[in-house]
Amino acid sequence: MYLLREMLKHMRIYGLFVKNCLIAQMEYRMNFVISIAQECVFTFAKLLYVILIYQVGVDINGLSPDHVLLFIGTYMIMTGFYVLFFMDNFYQLSQHIQSGLLDVMMTKPVSLQFMVTLRRINFSFPIPNFIVGTSMVVMAWRRLGLESGPQEIGLFLLLIVCGIVLMYALFLLPMLLSFYIIKTQSLIEITDKFWDFNNMPMGIYSRWIQRIGTFLLPIFVITNFPVLAMMDELDTLASIWVFAVPIVMLLVTRKVWRFCLSKYSSASS
């Protein structure tokens, strides 16, 4: 009963986070529009991969241009969720630690990890990614003739949710080094480049890279597994792993967060 009350309390607080962030971003609408325009430029750059692949018109390790389009569209959708929920929060973790804001957050009667990692929601950057990514997925899905019943769409959306959970845990983990180092710009650059591995299907990489990106650093599970499930190319182990790894990584990240917090004294020390 206590756990249910805490969950409901945090859901209400998160609703306030969403409302306040939307109001704040709408207050400076020109900045909001400029942010969308900026992300449109990056989105167009990603579309160049698709245009090139269709111009060449060859299969890549058995994947047709339509298959690649499906993978890239899913990657863009997941990019939208990353910048919507997590990017601003993860990037500002070091600022909270250095400025002493983390000390203030500790006094709040809510989960500190919840406050630090989910407080900010960015509404501008995800819009181009969601629009273009969803259009690409729908187009590729139809061109490939994949089943599109409620069961298939429901499974795809469920794996997207699993990917979001895994994305949160996996990309928060390196940012926890902010408790020990001052300048974290290199961490941000590394995680951004790490995420770009998903820009193309995992099938283009060697078998060892695929295994590392699936089991050791499960970056490929986030964007590739929902598509592979729709293509009916997930074996039994992968079908179990896609649901197990978000939970495993979430527990690992929670353990590391508590350890880092136990070593933290204050910004003034």
C-alpha atoms as a PDB file:
ATOM      1  CA  MET A   1       0.000   0.000   0.000  1.00  0.00           C
ATOM      2  CA  TYR A   2       2.875   2.357   0.831  1.00  0.00           C
ATOM      3  CA  LEU A   3       4.547   1.596  -2.508  1.00  0.00           C
ATOM      4  CA  LEU A   4       1.321   2.383  -4.370  1.00  0.00           C
ATOM      5  CA  ARG A   5       0.951   5.727  -2.563  1.00  0.00           C
ATOM      6  CA  GLU A   6       4.554   6.625  -3.373  1.00  0.00           C
ATOM      7  CA  MET A   7       4.065   5.739  -7.032  1.00  0.00           C
ATOM      8  CA  LEU A   8       0.917   7.851  -7.267  1.00  0.00           C
ATOM      9  CA  LYS A   9       2.654  10.762  -5.515  1.00  0.00           C
ATOM     10  CA  HIS A  10       5.573  10.652  -7.928  1.00  0.00           C
ATOM     11  CA  MET A  11       3.214  10.413 -10.900  1.00  0.00           C
ATOM     12  CA  ARG A  12       1.416  13.562  -9.733  1.00  0.00           C
ATOM     13  CA  ILE A  13       4.737  15.329  -9.249  1.00  0.00           C
ATOM     14  CA  TYR A  14       5.865  14.267 -12.692  1.00  0.00           C
ATOM     15  CA  GLY A  15       2.670  15.724 -14.117  1.00  0.00           C
ATOM     16  CA  LEU A  16       3.652  19.035 -12.503  1.00  0.00           C
ATOM     17  CA  PHE A  17       7.133  18.735 -14.040  1.00  0.00           C
ATOM     18  CA  VAL A  18       5.581  18.312 -17.482  1.00  0.00           C
ATOM     19  CA  LYS A  19       3.243  21.271 -16.969  1.00  0.00           C
ATOM     20  CA  ASN A  20       5.944  23.591 -15.659  1.00  0.00           C
ATOM     21  CA  CYS A  21       8.427  22.686 -18.407  1.00  0.00           C
ATOM     22  CA  LEU A  22       5.806  23.257 -21.098  1.00  0.00           C
ATOM     23  CA  ILE A  23       4.866  26.657 -19.621  1.00  0.00           C
ATOM     24  CA  ALA A  24       8.521  27.676 -19.351  1.00  0.00           C
ATOM     25  CA  GLN A  25       9.301  26.713 -22.943  1.00  0.00           C
ATOM     26  CA  MET A  26       6.178  28.380 -24.304  1.00  0.00           C
ATOM     27  CA  GLU A  27       7.127  31.580 -22.509  1.00  0.00           C
ATOM     28  CA  TYR A  28      10.017  32.005 -24.953  1.00  0.00           C
ATOM     29  CA  ARG A  29       8.350  30.811 -28.124  1.00  0.00           C
ATOM     30  CA  MET A  30      11.024  32.062 -30.489  1.00  0.00           C
ATOM     31  CA  ASN A  31      13.584  29.897 -28.714  1.00  0.00           C
ATOM     32  CA  PHE A  32      11.153  27.005 -29.026  1.00  0.00           C
ATOM     33  CA  VAL A  33      10.817  27.544 -32.782  1.00  0.00           C
ATOM     34  CA  ILE A  34      14.571  27.943 -33.245  1.00  0.00           C
ATOM     35  CA  SER A  35      15.171  24.692 -31.348  1.00  0.00           C
ATOM     36  CA  ILE A  36      12.769  22.875 -33.676  1.00  0.00           C
ATOM     37  CA  ALA A  37      14.512  24.394 -36.714  1.00  0.00           C
ATOM     38  CA  GLN A  38      17.893  23.342 -35.338  1.00  0.00           C
ATOM     39  CA  GLU A  39      16.744  19.766 -34.861  1.00  0.00           C
ATOM     40  CA  CYS A  40      15.235  19.768 -38.362  1.00  0.00           C
ATOM     41  CA  VAL A  41      18.740  20.356 -39.725  1.00  0.00           C
ATOM     42  CA  PHE A  42      20.089  17.322 -37.848  1.00  0.00           C
ATOM     43  CA  THR A  43      17.086  15.292 -38.964  1.00  0.00           C
ATOM     44  CA  PHE A  44      17.743  16.196 -42.583  1.00  0.00           C
ATOM     45  CA  ALA A  45      21.352  15.055 -42.174  1.00  0.00           C
ATOM     46  CA  LYS A  46      20.073  11.670 -40.979  1.00  0.00           C
ATOM     47  CA  LEU A  47      17.780  11.466 -44.009  1.00  0.00           C
ATOM     48  CA  LEU A  48      20.831  11.659 -46.265  1.00  0.00           C
ATOM     49  CA  TYR A  49      21.699   8.103 -45.201  1.00  0.00           C
ATOM     50  CA  VAL A  50      18.310   6.905 -46.404  1.00  0.00           C
ATOM     51  CA  ILE A  51      18.535   8.825 -49.682  1.00  0.00           C
ATOM     52  CA  LEU A  52      21.987   7.375 -50.377  1.00  0.00           C
ATOM     53  CA  ILE A  53      20.865   3.828 -49.626  1.00  0.00           C
ATOM     54  CA  TYR A  54      17.883   4.077 -51.969  1.00  0.00           C
ATOM     55  CA  GLN A  55      20.038   5.616 -54.695  1.00  0.00           C
ATOM     56  CA  VAL A  56      22.537   2.762 -54.465  1.00  0.00           C
ATOM     57  CA  GLY A  57      19.692   0.235 -54.252  1.00  0.00           C
ATOM     58  CA  VAL A  58      21.719  -2.696 -52.929  1.00  0.00           C
ATOM     59  CA  ASP A  59      21.098  -5.023 -50.010  1.00  0.00           C
ATOM     60  CA  ILE A  60      23.323  -4.703 -46.928  1.00  0.00           C
ATOM     61  CA  ASN A  61      23.896  -8.111 -45.332  1.00  0.00           C
ATOM     62  CA  GLY A  62      20.509  -9.226 -46.594  1.00  0.00           C
ATOM     63  CA  LEU A  63      18.730  -6.015 -45.597  1.00  0.00           C
ATOM     64  CA  SER A  64      16.909  -4.181 -48.381  1.00  0.00           C
ATOM     65  CA  PRO A  65      16.655  -0.365 -48.415  1.00  0.00           C
ATOM     66  CA  ASP A  66      13.134  -0.730 -46.985  1.00  0.00           C
ATOM     67  CA  HIS A  67      14.516  -2.728 -44.041  1.00  0.00           C
ATOM     68  CA  VAL A  68      17.165  -0.080 -43.416  1.00  0.00           C
ATOM     69  CA  LEU A  69      14.454   2.585 -43.571  1.00  0.00           C
ATOM     70  CA  LEU A  70      12.556   0.731 -40.835  1.00  0.00           C
ATOM     71  CA  PHE A  71      15.644   0.561 -38.619  1.00  0.00           C
ATOM     72  CA  ILE A  72      16.553   4.224 -39.095  1.00  0.00           C
ATOM     73  CA  GLY A  73      12.954   5.324 -38.489  1.00  0.00           C
ATOM     74  CA  THR A  74      12.900   3.422 -35.189  1.00  0.00           C
ATOM     75  CA  TYR A  75      16.261   4.956 -34.281  1.00  0.00           C
ATOM     76  CA  MET A  76      14.836   8.435 -34.858  1.00  0.00           C
ATOM     77  CA  ILE A  77      11.766   7.688 -32.746  1.00  0.00           C
ATOM     78  CA  MET A  78      13.975   6.506 -29.889  1.00  0.00           C
ATOM     79  CA  THR A  79      16.161   9.595 -30.333  1.00  0.00           C
ATOM     80  CA  GLY A  80      13.004  11.649 -29.854  1.00  0.00           C
ATOM     81  CA  PHE A  81      12.262   9.898 -26.577  1.00  0.00           C
ATOM     82  CA  TYR A  82      15.860  10.374 -25.413  1.00  0.00           C
ATOM     83  CA  VAL A  83      15.869  14.132 -25.968  1.00  0.00           C
ATOM     84  CA  LEU A  84      12.306  14.405 -24.627  1.00  0.00           C
ATOM     85  CA  PHE A  85      12.841  12.726 -21.270  1.00  0.00           C
ATOM     86  CA  PHE A  86      16.525  12.294 -20.481  1.00  0.00           C
ATOM     87  CA  MET A  87      19.032  14.461 -22.368  1.00  0.00           C
ATOM     88  CA  ASP A  88      18.675  17.734 -20.444  1.00  0.00           C
ATOM     89  CA  ASN A  89      18.555  15.940 -17.095  1.00  0.00           C
ATOM     90  CA  PHE A  90      21.657  13.823 -17.706  1.00  0.00           C
ATOM     91  CA  TYR A  91      23.673  16.717 -19.105  1.00  0.00           C
ATOM     92  CA  GLN A  92      22.898  18.927 -16.087  1.00  0.00           C
ATOM     93  CA  LEU A  93      23.784  16.372 -13.434  1.00  0.00           C
ATOM     94  CA  SER A  94      27.323  17.722 -13.074  1.00  0.00           C
ATOM     95  CA  GLN A  95      25.982  21.281 -12.764  1.00  0.00           C
ATOM     96  CA  HIS A  96      23.683  20.219  -9.942  1.00  0.00           C
ATOM     97  CA  ILE A  97      26.628  18.682  -8.106  1.00  0.00           C
ATOM     98  CA  GLN A  98      28.992  21.629  -8.598  1.00  0.00           C
ATOM     99  CA  SER A  99      26.444  24.375  -7.905  1.00  0.00           C
ATOM    100  CA  GLY A 100      25.052  22.808  -4.742  1.00  0.00           C
ATOM    101  CA  LEU A 101      21.566  22.353  -6.181  1.00  0.00           C
ATOM    102  CA  LEU A 102      21.866  18.654  -5.467  1.00  0.00           C
ATOM    103  CA  ASP A 103      22.105  19.500  -1.757  1.00  0.00           C
ATOM    104  CA  VAL A 104      18.816  21.388  -2.015  1.00  0.00           C
ATOM    105  CA  MET A 105      17.142  18.522  -3.865  1.00  0.00           C
ATOM    106  CA  MET A 106      18.135  16.147  -1.077  1.00  0.00           C
ATOM    107  CA  THR A 107      15.813  18.001   1.271  1.00  0.00           C
ATOM    108  CA  LYS A 108      12.734  17.300  -0.887  1.00  0.00           C
ATOM    109  CA  PRO A 109      10.377  14.522   0.280  1.00  0.00           C
ATOM    110  CA  VAL A 110      10.674  12.626  -3.002  1.00  0.00           C
ATOM    111  CA  SER A 111      13.200  10.278  -4.566  1.00  0.00           C
ATOM    112  CA  LEU A 112      16.419  12.184  -5.280  1.00  0.00           C
ATOM    113  CA  GLN A 113      17.127  10.101  -8.381  1.00  0.00           C
ATOM    114  CA  PHE A 114      13.629  10.902  -9.631  1.00  0.00           C
ATOM    115  CA  MET A 115      14.162  14.632  -9.070  1.00  0.00           C
ATOM    116  CA  VAL A 116      17.590  14.767 -10.684  1.00  0.00           C
ATOM    117  CA  THR A 117      17.056  12.515 -13.709  1.00  0.00           C
ATOM    118  CA  LEU A 118      13.429  13.186 -14.684  1.00  0.00           C
ATOM    119  CA  ARG A 119      12.749  16.778 -13.696  1.00  0.00           C
ATOM    120  CA  ARG A 120      13.184  18.440 -17.116  1.00  0.00           C
ATOM    121  CA  ILE A 121      11.246  17.626 -20.287  1.00  0.00           C
ATOM    122  CA  ASN A 122      12.332  19.043 -23.634  1.00  0.00           C
ATOM    123  CA  PHE A 123       9.359  19.522 -25.968  1.00  0.00           C
ATOM    124  CA  SER A 124      11.075  21.128 -28.967  1.00  0.00           C
ATOM    125  CA  PHE A 125      13.852  18.762 -30.058  1.00  0.00           C
ATOM    126  CA  PRO A 126      11.722  15.578 -30.191  1.00  0.00           C
ATOM    127  CA  ILE A 127       9.094  16.950 -32.603  1.00  0.00           C
ATOM    128  CA  PRO A 128      11.062  16.533 -35.881  1.00  0.00           C
ATOM    129  CA  ASN A 129      12.357  13.127 -34.760  1.00  0.00           C
ATOM    130  CA  PHE A 130       8.878  11.848 -33.934  1.00  0.00           C
ATOM    131  CA  ILE A 131       7.293  13.135 -37.149  1.00  0.00           C
ATOM    132  CA  VAL A 132      10.003  11.944 -39.528  1.00  0.00           C
ATOM    133  CA  GLY A 133      10.751   8.724 -37.645  1.00  0.00           C
ATOM    134  CA  THR A 134       7.105   7.649 -37.453  1.00  0.00           C
ATOM    135  CA  SER A 135       6.612   8.447 -41.150  1.00  0.00           C
ATOM    136  CA  MET A 136       9.636   6.320 -42.045  1.00  0.00           C
ATOM    137  CA  VAL A 137       8.463   3.390 -39.928  1.00  0.00           C
ATOM    138  CA  VAL A 138       4.929   3.464 -41.382  1.00  0.00           C
ATOM    139  CA  MET A 139       6.259   3.729 -44.951  1.00  0.00           C
ATOM    140  CA  ALA A 140       8.768   0.896 -44.515  1.00  0.00           C
ATOM    141  CA  TRP A 141       6.252  -1.274 -42.670  1.00  0.00           C
ATOM    142  CA  ARG A 142       3.829  -1.020 -45.601  1.00  0.00           C
ATOM    143  CA  ARG A 143       6.470  -1.494 -48.308  1.00  0.00           C
ATOM    144  CA  LEU A 144       7.752  -4.633 -46.587  1.00  0.00           C
ATOM    145  CA  GLY A 145       4.250  -6.029 -46.190  1.00  0.00           C
ATOM    146  CA  LEU A 146       4.711  -6.780 -42.488  1.00  0.00           C
ATOM    147  CA  GLU A 147       1.738  -7.813 -40.382  1.00  0.00           C
ATOM    148  CA  SER A 148       0.087  -4.751 -38.866  1.00  0.00           C
ATOM    149  CA  GLY A 149      -2.565  -6.183 -36.571  1.00  0.00           C
ATOM    150  CA  PRO A 150      -3.129  -5.112 -32.947  1.00  0.00           C
ATOM    151  CA  GLN A 151      -0.834  -7.882 -31.702  1.00  0.00           C
ATOM    152  CA  GLU A 152       2.106  -6.836 -33.890  1.00  0.00           C
ATOM    153  CA  ILE A 153       1.691  -3.116 -33.204  1.00  0.00           C
ATOM    154  CA  GLY A 154       1.243  -3.806 -29.477  1.00  0.00           C
ATOM    155  CA  LEU A 155       4.447  -5.875 -29.379  1.00  0.00           C
ATOM    156  CA  PHE A 156       6.353  -3.162 -31.231  1.00  0.00           C
ATOM    157  CA  LEU A 157       5.161  -0.491 -28.785  1.00  0.00           C
ATOM    158  CA  LEU A 158       5.943  -2.738 -25.804  1.00  0.00           C
ATOM    159  CA  LEU A 159       9.519  -3.193 -27.025  1.00  0.00           C
ATOM    160  CA  ILE A 160       9.761   0.563 -27.537  1.00  0.00           C
ATOM    161  CA  VAL A 161       8.849   1.003 -23.858  1.00  0.00           C
ATOM    162  CA  CYS A 162      11.490  -1.586 -22.886  1.00  0.00           C
ATOM    163  CA  GLY A 163      13.969   0.360 -24.987  1.00  0.00           C
ATOM    164  CA  ILE A 164      13.108   3.606 -23.198  1.00  0.00           C
ATOM    165  CA  VAL A 165      13.705   1.987 -19.804  1.00  0.00           C
ATOM    166  CA  LEU A 166      16.994   0.505 -21.003  1.00  0.00           C
ATOM    167  CA  MET A 167      17.985   3.841 -22.533  1.00  0.00           C
ATOM    168  CA  TYR A 168      17.443   5.587 -19.193  1.00  0.00           C
ATOM    169  CA  ALA A 169      19.565   3.112 -17.250  1.00  0.00           C
ATOM    170  CA  LEU A 170      22.310   2.679 -19.825  1.00  0.00           C
ATOM    171  CA  PHE A 171      22.926   6.359 -20.524  1.00  0.00           C
ATOM    172  CA  LEU A 172      22.590   7.521 -16.926  1.00  0.00           C
ATOM    173  CA  LEU A 173      25.323   5.112 -15.859  1.00  0.00           C
ATOM    174  CA  PRO A 174      28.337   6.922 -17.413  1.00  0.00           C
ATOM    175  CA  MET A 175      26.994  10.310 -16.311  1.00  0.00           C
ATOM    176  CA  LEU A 176      27.296   9.184 -12.676  1.00  0.00           C
ATOM    177  CA  LEU A 177      31.018   9.812 -13.071  1.00  0.00           C
ATOM    178  CA  SER A 178      29.993  13.438 -12.533  1.00  0.00           C
ATOM    179  CA  PHE A 179      30.280  12.690  -8.812  1.00  0.00           C
ATOM    180  CA  TYR A 180      34.028  12.182  -9.270  1.00  0.00           C
ATOM    181  CA  ILE A 181      35.119  14.457 -12.150  1.00  0.00           C
ATOM    182  CA  ILE A 182      34.551  18.156 -12.749  1.00  0.00           C
ATOM    183  CA  LYS A 183      34.454  18.535 -16.517  1.00  0.00           C
ATOM    184  CA  THR A 184      31.963  16.154 -18.074  1.00  0.00           C
ATOM    185  CA  GLN A 185      31.859  17.448 -21.643  1.00  0.00           C
ATOM    186  CA  SER A 186      33.918  14.463 -22.778  1.00  0.00           C
ATOM    187  CA  LEU A 187      31.378  12.125 -21.198  1.00  0.00           C
ATOM    188  CA  ILE A 188      28.595  13.817 -23.115  1.00  0.00           C
ATOM    189  CA  GLU A 189      30.529  13.509 -26.374  1.00  0.00           C
ATOM    190  CA  ILE A 190      31.246   9.833 -25.768  1.00  0.00           C
ATOM    191  CA  THR A 191      27.644   8.958 -24.966  1.00  0.00           C
ATOM    192  CA  ASP A 192      26.428  10.868 -28.025  1.00  0.00           C
ATOM    193  CA  LYS A 193      28.806   8.964 -30.301  1.00  0.00           C
ATOM    194  CA  PHE A 194      27.914   5.733 -28.560  1.00  0.00           C
ATOM    195  CA  TRP A 195      24.244   6.357 -29.320  1.00  0.00           C
ATOM    196  CA  ASP A 196      25.053   6.900 -33.006  1.00  0.00           C
ATOM    197  CA  PHE A 197      25.947   3.208 -33.315  1.00  0.00           C
ATOM    198  CA  ASN A 198      22.186   2.715 -33.638  1.00  0.00           C
ATOM    199  CA  ASN A 199      22.003   4.974 -36.664  1.00  0.00           C
ATOM    200  CA  MET A 200      22.245   1.879 -38.880  1.00  0.00           C
ATOM    201  CA  PRO A 201      21.085  -1.734 -38.350  1.00  0.00           C
ATOM    202  CA  MET A 202      23.287  -3.884 -36.136  1.00  0.00           C
ATOM    203  CA  GLY A 203      23.542  -6.351 -39.010  1.00  0.00           C
ATOM    204  CA  ILE A 204      26.136  -4.190 -40.750  1.00  0.00           C
ATOM    205  CA  TYR A 205      28.628  -4.755 -37.918  1.00  0.00           C
ATOM    206  CA  SER A 206      30.778  -7.810 -37.273  1.00  0.00           C
ATOM    207  CA  ARG A 207      29.484 -10.647 -35.136  1.00  0.00           C
ATOM    208  CA  TRP A 208      31.650  -9.668 -32.177  1.00  0.00           C
ATOM    209  CA  ILE A 209      30.433  -6.069 -32.228  1.00  0.00           C
ATOM    210  CA  GLN A 210      26.863  -7.323 -32.379  1.00  0.00           C
ATOM    211  CA  ARG A 211      27.423  -9.530 -29.338  1.00  0.00           C
ATOM    212  CA  ILE A 212      29.083  -6.731 -27.371  1.00  0.00           C
ATOM    213  CA  GLY A 213      26.290  -4.320 -28.333  1.00  0.00           C
ATOM    214  CA  THR A 214      23.652  -6.860 -27.316  1.00  0.00           C
ATOM    215  CA  PHE A 215      24.940  -8.419 -24.103  1.00  0.00           C
ATOM    216  CA  LEU A 216      27.847  -6.405 -22.684  1.00  0.00           C
ATOM    217  CA  LEU A 217      26.790  -2.860 -23.598  1.00  0.00           C
ATOM    218  CA  PRO A 218      23.247  -3.509 -24.823  1.00  0.00           C
ATOM    219  CA  ILE A 219      22.927  -0.444 -27.044  1.00  0.00           C
ATOM    220  CA  PHE A 220      21.516  -2.444 -29.976  1.00  0.00           C
ATOM    221  CA  VAL A 221      18.618  -3.756 -27.905  1.00  0.00           C
ATOM    222  CA  ILE A 222      17.122  -0.256 -27.735  1.00  0.00           C
ATOM    223  CA  THR A 223      16.414   0.312 -31.436  1.00  0.00           C
ATOM    224  CA  ASN A 224      17.166  -2.935 -33.263  1.00  0.00           C
ATOM    225  CA  PHE A 225      15.172  -5.465 -31.284  1.00  0.00           C
ATOM    226  CA  PRO A 226      11.715  -3.903 -31.872  1.00  0.00           C
ATOM    227  CA  VAL A 227      12.358  -4.099 -35.626  1.00  0.00           C
ATOM    228  CA  LEU A 228      13.828  -7.606 -35.474  1.00  0.00           C
ATOM    229  CA  ALA A 229      10.746  -8.751 -33.565  1.00  0.00           C
ATOM    230  CA  MET A 230       8.509  -7.415 -36.333  1.00  0.00           C
ATOM    231  CA  MET A 231      10.663  -9.264 -38.870  1.00  0.00           C
ATOM    232  CA  ASP A 232      10.361 -12.446 -36.751  1.00  0.00           C
ATOM    233  CA  GLU A 233      14.143 -12.698 -36.434  1.00  0.00           C
ATOM    234  CA  LEU A 234      14.521 -12.843 -32.642  1.00  0.00           C
ATOM    235  CA  ASP A 235      15.554 -16.229 -31.294  1.00  0.00           C
ATOM    236  CA  THR A 236      14.483 -17.525 -27.874  1.00  0.00           C
ATOM    237  CA  LEU A 237      17.459 -16.048 -26.011  1.00  0.00           C
ATOM    238  CA  ALA A 238      17.009 -12.634 -27.617  1.00  0.00           C
ATOM    239  CA  SER A 239      13.258 -12.700 -26.908  1.00  0.00           C
ATOM    240  CA  ILE A 240      13.997 -13.221 -23.210  1.00  0.00           C
ATOM    241  CA  TRP A 241      16.901 -10.777 -23.128  1.00  0.00           C
ATOM    242  CA  VAL A 242      14.910  -7.884 -24.588  1.00  0.00           C
ATOM    243  CA  PHE A 243      12.638  -7.967 -21.517  1.00  0.00           C
ATOM    244  CA  ALA A 244      15.276  -8.941 -18.952  1.00  0.00           C
ATOM    245  CA  VAL A 245      18.063  -6.492 -19.775  1.00  0.00           C
ATOM    246  CA  PRO A 246      16.078  -3.295 -18.968  1.00  0.00           C
ATOM    247  CA  ILE A 247      15.384  -4.652 -15.488  1.00  0.00           C
ATOM    248  CA  VAL A 248      18.983  -5.788 -15.004  1.00  0.00           C
ATOM    249  CA  MET A 249      20.426  -2.460 -16.137  1.00  0.00           C
ATOM    250  CA  LEU A 250      17.914  -0.510 -14.055  1.00  0.00           C
ATOM    251  CA  LEU A 251      18.971  -2.441 -10.933  1.00  0.00           C
ATOM    252  CA  VAL A 252      22.663  -1.946 -11.746  1.00  0.00           C
ATOM    253  CA  THR A 253      22.194   1.788 -12.289  1.00  0.00           C
ATOM    254  CA  ARG A 254      20.240   2.084  -9.058  1.00  0.00           C
ATOM    255  CA  LYS A 255      23.035   0.327  -7.155  1.00  0.00           C
ATOM    256  CA  VAL A 256      25.692   2.579  -8.701  1.00  0.00           C
ATOM    257  CA  TRP A 257      23.585   5.683  -7.966  1.00  0.00           C
ATOM    258  CA  ARG A 258      23.312   4.746  -4.294  1.00  0.00           C
ATOM    259  CA  PHE A 259      27.032   4.012  -4.110  1.00  0.00           C
ATOM    260  CA  CYS A 260      27.954   7.354  -5.678  1.00  0.00           C
ATOM    261  CA  LEU A 261      25.528   9.157  -3.387  1.00  0.00           C
ATOM    262  CA  SER A 262      27.028   7.466  -0.324  1.00  0.00           C
ATOM    263  CA  LYS A 263      30.429   8.924  -1.263  1.00  0.00           C
ATOM    264  CA  TYR A 264      29.017  12.405  -1.906  1.00  0.00           C
ATOM    265  CA  SER A 265      29.422  14.900   0.947  1.00  0.00           C
ATOM    266  CA  SER A 266      28.302  18.303  -0.359  1.00  0.00           C
ATOM    267  CA  ALA A 267      29.205  20.946  -2.896  1.00  0.00           C
ATOM    268  CA  SER A 268      31.048  22.965  -0.281  1.00  0.00           C
ATOM    269  CA  SER A 269      33.345  20.173   0.873  1.00  0.00           C
END
